[in-house]
Amino acid sequence: MNLDEALRYEDQSIQVEERYDNLMTKSQVLDAMGKKDEAKTLHAKALAIASPVQLHAYAFQLKGEKKDEQAFAVWRKNAKDHPDLWFTHSGMARVYSSQGDFANALKK
């Protein structure tokens, strides 16, 4: 991969329209380049502007990467911030069931 080229493309995309997707991708490129502090800053910025659906999908991504505690934190925050959306309850059911708390999982 050419990380410098990838970074240029992400910068161009962000200039057109800054959004969750291009900020998250740029943070991943920066992380791969070893620019951990810049990557962390952009990662946080991407999560701050993510839609509830994007956060839900991101939690699934983390779960697939075996980063369970991080996934659970995203699902918890999403449920707290958006209690009126059905899929946030689905996320919390996953959190509860993974902890063996099936009674609360069933409530979701």
Protein backbone atom coordinates (compact mmCIF):
# COMPACT_ATOMS: atom_id res chain seq x y z
CA MET A 1 0.00 0.00 0.00
CA ASN A 2 1.06 3.56 -0.60
CA LEU A 3 0.07 5.27 2.63
CA ASP A 4 1.16 8.72 1.45
CA GLU A 5 -1.12 8.43 -1.56
CA ALA A 6 -3.97 7.14 0.60
CA LEU A 7 -3.51 10.11 2.91
CA ARG A 8 -3.68 12.53 -0.04
CA TYR A 9 -6.92 10.94 -1.23
CA GLU A 10 -8.45 11.16 2.23
CA ASP A 11 -7.42 14.81 2.55
CA GLN A 12 -9.08 15.54 -0.80
CA SER A 13 -12.24 13.77 0.31
CA ILE A 14 -12.32 15.70 3.58
CA GLN A 15 -11.93 18.98 1.69
CA VAL A 16 -15.02 18.14 -0.35
CA GLU A 17 -17.09 17.01 2.64
CA GLU A 18 -15.87 16.14 6.12
CA ARG A 19 -17.81 13.12 7.39
CA TYR A 20 -17.46 10.07 9.61
CA ASP A 21 -16.25 7.76 6.84
CA ASN A 22 -13.36 9.81 5.55
CA LEU A 23 -12.23 10.90 9.02
CA MET A 24 -12.22 7.30 10.22
CA THR A 25 -10.30 6.13 7.16
CA LYS A 26 -7.76 8.93 7.54
CA SER A 27 -7.29 8.00 11.19
CA GLN A 28 -6.56 4.41 10.11
CA VAL A 29 -4.03 5.58 7.52
CA LEU A 30 -2.31 7.80 10.06
CA ASP A 31 -2.22 4.92 12.54
CA ALA A 32 -0.61 2.68 9.91
CA MET A 33 1.96 5.44 9.32
CA GLY A 34 2.82 5.44 13.02
CA LYS A 35 1.25 8.85 13.66
CA LYS A 36 -0.67 7.61 16.68
CA ASP A 37 -1.57 10.98 18.25
CA GLU A 38 -2.98 12.41 15.02
CA ALA A 39 -4.84 9.17 14.38
CA LYS A 40 -6.37 9.22 17.86
CA THR A 41 -7.55 12.83 17.43
CA LEU A 42 -9.22 12.10 14.08
CA HIS A 43 -10.72 8.88 15.39
CA ALA A 44 -12.38 10.78 18.23
CA LYS A 45 -13.61 13.44 15.82
CA ALA A 46 -15.10 10.77 13.53
CA LEU A 47 -16.93 9.12 16.41
CA ALA A 48 -18.25 12.49 17.59
CA ILE A 49 -20.01 13.10 14.26
CA ALA A 50 -21.06 9.50 13.55
CA SER A 51 -24.73 8.72 13.16
CA PRO A 52 -26.28 6.17 15.51
CA VAL A 53 -26.26 3.59 12.70
CA GLN A 54 -22.58 4.23 12.00
CA LEU A 55 -21.77 3.80 15.69
CA HIS A 56 -23.73 0.55 15.79
CA ALA A 57 -21.84 -0.77 12.76
CA TYR A 58 -18.53 0.38 14.25
CA ALA A 59 -19.28 -1.59 17.43
CA PHE A 60 -19.84 -4.70 15.29
CA GLN A 61 -16.51 -4.04 13.58
CA LEU A 62 -14.78 -3.82 16.96
CA LYS A 63 -16.49 -7.03 18.09
CA GLY A 64 -15.25 -8.77 14.94
CA GLU A 65 -11.73 -7.59 15.77
CA LYS A 66 -12.08 -9.19 19.23
CA LYS A 67 -12.12 -5.76 20.89
CA ASP A 68 -15.14 -6.63 23.00
CA GLU A 69 -14.78 -4.00 25.73
CA GLN A 70 -14.42 -1.22 23.17
CA ALA A 71 -17.46 -2.53 21.27
CA PHE A 72 -19.48 -2.68 24.48
CA ALA A 73 -18.51 0.91 25.32
CA VAL A 74 -19.73 2.09 21.90
CA TRP A 75 -23.01 0.18 22.26
CA ARG A 76 -23.53 1.58 25.76
CA LYS A 77 -22.92 5.16 24.65
CA ASN A 78 -25.18 4.74 21.62
CA ALA A 79 -27.99 3.36 23.79
CA LYS A 80 -27.57 6.18 26.30
CA ASP A 81 -27.56 8.87 23.60
CA HIS A 82 -30.30 7.31 21.44
CA PRO A 83 -32.66 5.27 23.66
CA ASP A 84 -35.51 5.69 21.17
CA LEU A 85 -33.85 3.67 18.39
CA TRP A 86 -34.55 -0.07 18.28
CA PHE A 87 -31.07 -1.12 17.21
CA THR A 88 -29.48 0.52 20.24
CA HIS A 89 -31.50 -1.93 22.35
CA SER A 90 -30.18 -4.73 20.17
CA GLY A 91 -26.64 -3.55 20.92
CA MET A 92 -27.33 -3.51 24.63
CA ALA A 93 -28.83 -7.00 24.45
CA ARG A 94 -25.48 -8.13 23.03
CA VAL A 95 -23.64 -6.41 25.87
CA TYR A 96 -25.83 -7.98 28.55
CA SER A 97 -25.84 -11.47 27.04
CA SER A 98 -22.05 -11.47 26.66
CA GLN A 99 -21.83 -10.75 30.39
CA GLY A 100 -24.24 -13.57 31.20
CA ASP A 101 -26.97 -11.12 32.23
CA PHE A 102 -29.72 -12.81 30.22
CA ALA A 103 -32.54 -11.25 32.25
CA ASN A 104 -31.55 -7.74 31.14
CA ALA A 105 -30.75 -8.96 27.63
CA LEU A 106 -34.33 -10.20 27.31
CA LYS A 107 -35.68 -6.83 28.41
CA LYS A 108 -33.96 -5.15 25.48
